[in-house]
Amino acid sequence: MAIPQLKASSIEKALAELLPRLPELRLSVHESRKYDLLWRGNRFPPKVVIRQAVQIEHGIDLPESEFSGGKQTGQANAVLEACGFLIVPKAVDSVRLALELFGRYP
C-alpha cells in the first residue's frame, strides 16, 4: 500500500506522541536499519513515525511491512524529507583498536 499524503503537522504530532516510547521502540523490531529521523535531538525510526502519522491524519493502521522506508519517491524517508524533516544515516559503530597500536608512535 502506498503512503497517503501527510501534513507536516501530523508528523509533528506523531513525533510528540512517540517521544515517551522512544527507548522502547529503539530496542524492538521497530528499530530502523539504515536511517533515522532526527527531531529535537532524538533519533526516530522513520517507518514508525509514518505509521503513527497516517493513523493520526487518516485513521488508518498502515503496518510497517506495507511500505518501504527508502529515499525514493513515495517511500517513508522521501515522504518525511518532503515535509521538511531531517533524515540522517545511522551512526556507524567506531572500531576499537588495541592500545598497543598507539604505543608504537611518538
N, C-alpha and C. Protein backbone atom coordinates (compact mmCIF):
# COMPACT_ATOMS: atom_id res chain seq x y z
N MET A 1 0.85 -1.19 0.00
CA MET A 1 0.00 0.00 0.00
C MET A 1 0.89 1.24 0.00
N ALA A 2 0.48 2.23 -0.72
CA ALA A 2 1.23 3.49 -0.79
C ALA A 2 0.97 4.32 0.47
N ILE A 3 1.94 5.13 0.81
CA ILE A 3 1.79 6.04 1.94
C ILE A 3 0.87 7.17 1.50
N PRO A 4 -0.23 7.40 2.23
CA PRO A 4 -1.10 8.51 1.84
C PRO A 4 -0.42 9.86 2.10
N GLN A 5 -0.93 10.88 1.47
CA GLN A 5 -0.42 12.25 1.66
C GLN A 5 -0.46 12.60 3.14
N LEU A 6 0.62 13.21 3.63
CA LEU A 6 0.70 13.60 5.04
C LEU A 6 1.07 15.06 5.17
N LYS A 7 0.54 15.69 6.21
CA LYS A 7 0.89 17.07 6.54
C LYS A 7 2.02 17.03 7.57
N ALA A 8 2.87 18.05 7.52
CA ALA A 8 3.96 18.16 8.50
C ALA A 8 3.41 18.19 9.92
N SER A 9 2.24 18.80 10.11
CA SER A 9 1.65 18.89 11.45
C SER A 9 1.29 17.51 12.00
N SER A 10 0.85 16.61 11.14
CA SER A 10 0.54 15.24 11.58
C SER A 10 1.81 14.50 11.98
N ILE A 11 2.88 14.75 11.24
CA ILE A 11 4.15 14.11 11.56
C ILE A 11 4.69 14.65 12.88
N GLU A 12 4.57 15.96 13.09
CA GLU A 12 5.00 16.57 14.37
C GLU A 12 4.22 15.97 15.53
N LYS A 13 2.93 15.81 15.36
CA LYS A 13 2.09 15.24 16.42
C LYS A 13 2.51 13.79 16.68
N ALA A 14 2.78 13.05 15.62
CA ALA A 14 3.23 11.67 15.77
C ALA A 14 4.54 11.60 16.54
N LEU A 15 5.47 12.49 16.22
CA LEU A 15 6.75 12.52 16.92
C LEU A 15 6.56 12.82 18.40
N ALA A 16 5.70 13.78 18.71
CA ALA A 16 5.43 14.12 20.11
C ALA A 16 4.82 12.94 20.86
N GLU A 17 3.93 12.21 20.21
CA GLU A 17 3.30 11.04 20.83
C GLU A 17 4.30 9.90 21.02
N LEU A 18 5.22 9.76 20.07
CA LEU A 18 6.19 8.65 20.14
C LEU A 18 7.35 8.93 21.09
N LEU A 19 7.63 10.19 21.37
CA LEU A 19 8.79 10.55 22.18
C LEU A 19 8.87 9.80 23.51
N PRO A 20 7.79 9.70 24.29
CA PRO A 20 7.91 8.98 25.56
C PRO A 20 8.22 7.48 25.39
N ARG A 21 7.87 6.93 24.25
CA ARG A 21 8.10 5.49 23.99
C ARG A 21 9.38 5.23 23.20
N LEU A 22 10.15 6.27 22.94
CA LEU A 22 11.32 6.13 22.08
C LEU A 22 12.33 5.07 22.56
N PRO A 23 12.71 5.04 23.84
CA PRO A 23 13.66 4.00 24.26
C PRO A 23 13.16 2.58 23.99
N GLU A 24 11.89 2.37 24.21
CA GLU A 24 11.28 1.06 23.96
C GLU A 24 11.26 0.73 22.47
N LEU A 25 10.96 1.71 21.65
CA LEU A 25 10.92 1.50 20.19
C LEU A 25 12.30 1.17 19.64
N ARG A 26 13.32 1.82 20.17
CA ARG A 26 14.68 1.63 19.65
C ARG A 26 15.24 0.27 20.00
N LEU A 27 14.65 -0.41 20.96
CA LEU A 27 15.13 -1.74 21.36
C LEU A 27 14.21 -2.85 20.85
N SER A 28 13.36 -2.54 19.91
CA SER A 28 12.39 -3.53 19.42
C SER A 28 12.59 -3.81 17.93
N VAL A 29 11.69 -4.58 17.39
CA VAL A 29 11.73 -4.89 15.95
C VAL A 29 11.45 -3.66 15.11
N HIS A 30 11.02 -2.58 15.73
CA HIS A 30 10.71 -1.35 15.00
C HIS A 30 11.94 -0.50 14.72
N GLU A 31 13.07 -0.86 15.27
CA GLU A 31 14.30 -0.10 15.07
C GLU A 31 14.65 -0.05 13.58
N SER A 32 15.05 1.12 13.12
CA SER A 32 15.42 1.28 11.71
C SER A 32 16.79 0.67 11.45
N ARG A 33 17.06 0.38 10.17
CA ARG A 33 18.33 -0.26 9.82
C ARG A 33 19.38 0.70 9.29
N LYS A 34 18.97 1.63 8.41
CA LYS A 34 19.95 2.49 7.75
C LYS A 34 19.82 3.97 8.09
N TYR A 35 18.60 4.43 8.34
CA TYR A 35 18.36 5.86 8.55
C TYR A 35 17.48 6.11 9.76
N ASP A 36 17.62 7.30 10.32
CA ASP A 36 16.77 7.76 11.41
C ASP A 36 16.21 9.13 11.04
N LEU A 37 15.08 9.46 11.62
CA LEU A 37 14.55 10.81 11.53
C LEU A 37 15.08 11.54 12.77
N LEU A 38 15.77 12.65 12.56
CA LEU A 38 16.32 13.42 13.67
C LEU A 38 15.38 14.57 13.98
N TRP A 39 14.87 14.60 15.21
CA TRP A 39 13.91 15.62 15.63
C TRP A 39 14.20 16.01 17.07
N ARG A 40 14.51 17.27 17.29
CA ARG A 40 14.79 17.78 18.63
C ARG A 40 15.85 16.96 19.36
N GLY A 41 16.88 16.58 18.62
CA GLY A 41 17.99 15.84 19.21
C GLY A 41 17.75 14.37 19.43
N ASN A 42 16.61 13.86 18.99
CA ASN A 42 16.27 12.44 19.15
C ASN A 42 16.17 11.76 17.80
N ARG A 43 16.56 10.50 17.77
CA ARG A 43 16.51 9.70 16.54
C ARG A 43 15.30 8.76 16.60
N PHE A 44 14.47 8.84 15.57
CA PHE A 44 13.26 8.03 15.49
C PHE A 44 13.32 7.09 14.29
N PRO A 45 12.77 5.89 14.42
CA PRO A 45 12.64 5.01 13.25
C PRO A 45 11.62 5.62 12.28
N PRO A 46 12.01 5.96 11.06
CA PRO A 46 11.10 6.64 10.13
C PRO A 46 9.79 5.90 9.85
N LYS A 47 9.85 4.60 9.71
CA LYS A 47 8.62 3.86 9.40
C LYS A 47 7.62 3.91 10.55
N VAL A 48 8.11 3.94 11.77
CA VAL A 48 7.22 4.05 12.93
C VAL A 48 6.54 5.42 12.92
N VAL A 49 7.29 6.45 12.57
CA VAL A 49 6.74 7.80 12.51
C VAL A 49 5.66 7.89 11.43
N ILE A 50 5.94 7.33 10.27
CA ILE A 50 4.95 7.32 9.19
C ILE A 50 3.68 6.61 9.63
N ARG A 51 3.84 5.44 10.22
CA ARG A 51 2.67 4.67 10.66
C ARG A 51 1.82 5.48 11.64
N GLN A 52 2.46 6.14 12.60
CA GLN A 52 1.74 6.93 13.60
C GLN A 52 1.07 8.14 12.94
N ALA A 53 1.77 8.81 12.03
CA ALA A 53 1.22 9.98 11.36
C ALA A 53 0.02 9.61 10.48
N VAL A 54 0.08 8.48 9.81
CA VAL A 54 -1.04 8.01 8.98
C VAL A 54 -2.25 7.73 9.88
N GLN A 55 -2.00 7.14 11.03
CA GLN A 55 -3.08 6.86 11.99
C GLN A 55 -3.72 8.16 12.45
N ILE A 56 -2.91 9.15 12.75
CA ILE A 56 -3.41 10.45 13.23
C ILE A 56 -4.21 11.16 12.14
N GLU A 57 -3.64 11.24 10.93
CA GLU A 57 -4.26 12.05 9.88
C GLU A 57 -5.39 11.35 9.15
N HIS A 58 -5.27 10.04 8.96
CA HIS A 58 -6.25 9.33 8.14
C HIS A 58 -7.06 8.27 8.89
N GLY A 59 -6.67 7.97 10.13
CA GLY A 59 -7.38 6.95 10.90
C GLY A 59 -7.18 5.54 10.37
N ILE A 60 -6.08 5.34 9.65
CA ILE A 60 -5.77 4.04 9.04
C ILE A 60 -4.56 3.44 9.75
N ASP A 61 -4.64 2.14 10.05
CA ASP A 61 -3.47 1.44 10.58
C ASP A 61 -2.70 0.91 9.37
N LEU A 62 -1.57 1.52 9.10
CA LEU A 62 -0.73 1.13 7.96
C LEU A 62 0.48 0.37 8.51
N PRO A 63 0.45 -0.97 8.48
CA PRO A 63 1.57 -1.75 9.01
C PRO A 63 2.88 -1.40 8.30
N GLU A 64 3.96 -1.41 9.05
CA GLU A 64 5.27 -1.07 8.51
C GLU A 64 5.71 -2.01 7.39
N SER A 65 5.16 -3.20 7.37
CA SER A 65 5.50 -4.17 6.32
C SER A 65 4.84 -3.82 4.99
N GLU A 66 3.93 -2.86 5.00
CA GLU A 66 3.16 -2.50 3.80
C GLU A 66 3.81 -1.40 2.95
N PHE A 67 4.92 -0.80 3.44
CA PHE A 67 5.57 0.27 2.68
C PHE A 67 7.07 0.23 2.92
N SER A 68 7.79 0.86 2.03
CA SER A 68 9.25 0.87 2.10
C SER A 68 9.75 2.08 2.88
N GLY A 69 10.91 1.92 3.50
CA GLY A 69 11.49 3.02 4.25
C GLY A 69 12.54 3.78 3.46
N GLY A 70 12.67 3.54 2.19
CA GLY A 70 13.73 4.13 1.39
C GLY A 70 13.60 5.61 1.11
N LYS A 71 14.53 6.09 0.28
CA LYS A 71 14.59 7.52 -0.05
C LYS A 71 14.02 7.83 -1.44
N GLN A 72 13.46 6.85 -2.10
CA GLN A 72 12.88 7.08 -3.42
C GLN A 72 11.48 7.65 -3.26
N THR A 73 10.98 8.30 -4.29
CA THR A 73 9.66 8.91 -4.26
C THR A 73 8.62 7.94 -3.75
N GLY A 74 7.81 8.40 -2.78
CA GLY A 74 6.75 7.58 -2.22
C GLY A 74 7.17 6.69 -1.06
N GLN A 75 8.45 6.60 -0.80
CA GLN A 75 8.94 5.79 0.32
C GLN A 75 9.03 6.65 1.58
N ALA A 76 9.09 6.01 2.73
CA ALA A 76 8.99 6.71 4.01
C ALA A 76 9.96 7.87 4.16
N ASN A 77 11.23 7.63 3.92
CA ASN A 77 12.22 8.70 4.11
C ASN A 77 11.97 9.87 3.17
N ALA A 78 11.59 9.60 1.94
CA ALA A 78 11.31 10.66 0.98
C ALA A 78 10.09 11.47 1.40
N VAL A 79 9.07 10.80 1.91
CA VAL A 79 7.86 11.50 2.37
C VAL A 79 8.20 12.43 3.53
N LEU A 80 9.00 11.93 4.46
CA LEU A 80 9.38 12.74 5.62
C LEU A 80 10.24 13.94 5.21
N GLU A 81 11.19 13.73 4.31
CA GLU A 81 12.02 14.83 3.83
C GLU A 81 11.20 15.87 3.08
N ALA A 82 10.23 15.41 2.29
CA ALA A 82 9.37 16.33 1.54
C ALA A 82 8.54 17.22 2.48
N CYS A 83 8.30 16.73 3.69
CA CYS A 83 7.57 17.51 4.69
C CYS A 83 8.50 18.36 5.56
N GLY A 84 9.80 18.36 5.23
CA GLY A 84 10.74 19.23 5.91
C GLY A 84 11.50 18.60 7.07
N PHE A 85 11.43 17.29 7.22
CA PHE A 85 12.11 16.63 8.32
C PHE A 85 13.47 16.10 7.87
N LEU A 86 14.38 16.00 8.83
CA LEU A 86 15.75 15.60 8.54
C LEU A 86 15.93 14.10 8.73
N ILE A 87 16.38 13.44 7.66
CA ILE A 87 16.69 12.01 7.69
C ILE A 87 18.21 11.90 7.69
N VAL A 88 18.74 11.15 8.66
CA VAL A 88 20.20 11.02 8.79
C VAL A 88 20.58 9.54 8.79
N PRO A 89 21.77 9.23 8.26
CA PRO A 89 22.24 7.84 8.30
C PRO A 89 22.44 7.39 9.74
N LYS A 90 22.30 6.10 9.96
CA LYS A 90 22.56 5.53 11.27
C LYS A 90 24.01 5.79 11.63
N ALA A 91 24.28 5.99 12.90
CA ALA A 91 25.65 6.17 13.36
C ALA A 91 26.39 4.84 13.21
N VAL A 92 27.57 4.91 12.67
CA VAL A 92 28.39 3.71 12.50
C VAL A 92 29.17 3.50 13.78
N ASP A 93 29.16 2.27 14.27
CA ASP A 93 29.94 1.96 15.48
C ASP A 93 31.41 2.15 15.18
N SER A 94 32.10 2.79 16.09
CA SER A 94 33.53 3.00 15.91
C SER A 94 34.28 1.69 16.12
N VAL A 95 35.39 1.57 15.47
CA VAL A 95 36.22 0.38 15.58
C VAL A 95 37.15 0.57 16.76
N ARG A 96 37.19 -0.40 17.64
CA ARG A 96 38.09 -0.32 18.78
C ARG A 96 39.44 -0.90 18.40
N LEU A 97 40.47 -0.14 18.66
CA LEU A 97 41.83 -0.58 18.37
C LEU A 97 42.54 -0.91 19.67
N ALA A 98 43.40 -1.87 19.60
CA ALA A 98 44.17 -2.24 20.78
C ALA A 98 45.06 -1.07 21.19
N LEU A 99 45.19 -0.86 22.47
CA LEU A 99 46.01 0.25 22.97
C LEU A 99 47.46 0.12 22.56
N GLU A 100 47.93 -1.10 22.35
CA GLU A 100 49.32 -1.30 21.96
C GLU A 100 49.64 -0.62 20.63
N LEU A 101 48.67 -0.53 19.77
CA LEU A 101 48.89 0.13 18.49
C LEU A 101 49.36 1.56 18.68
N PHE A 102 48.73 2.24 19.59
CA PHE A 102 49.07 3.64 19.80
C PHE A 102 50.43 3.82 20.48
N GLY A 103 50.91 2.79 21.16
CA GLY A 103 52.19 2.88 21.83
C GLY A 103 53.38 2.86 20.89
N ARG A 104 53.16 2.55 19.65
CA ARG A 104 54.24 2.44 18.67
C ARG A 104 54.63 3.78 18.05
N TYR A 105 53.83 4.78 18.28
CA TYR A 105 54.05 6.07 17.61
C TYR A 105 54.49 7.10 18.63
N PRO A 106 55.39 8.00 18.24
CA PRO A 106 55.85 9.04 19.18
C PRO A 106 54.77 10.08 19.43
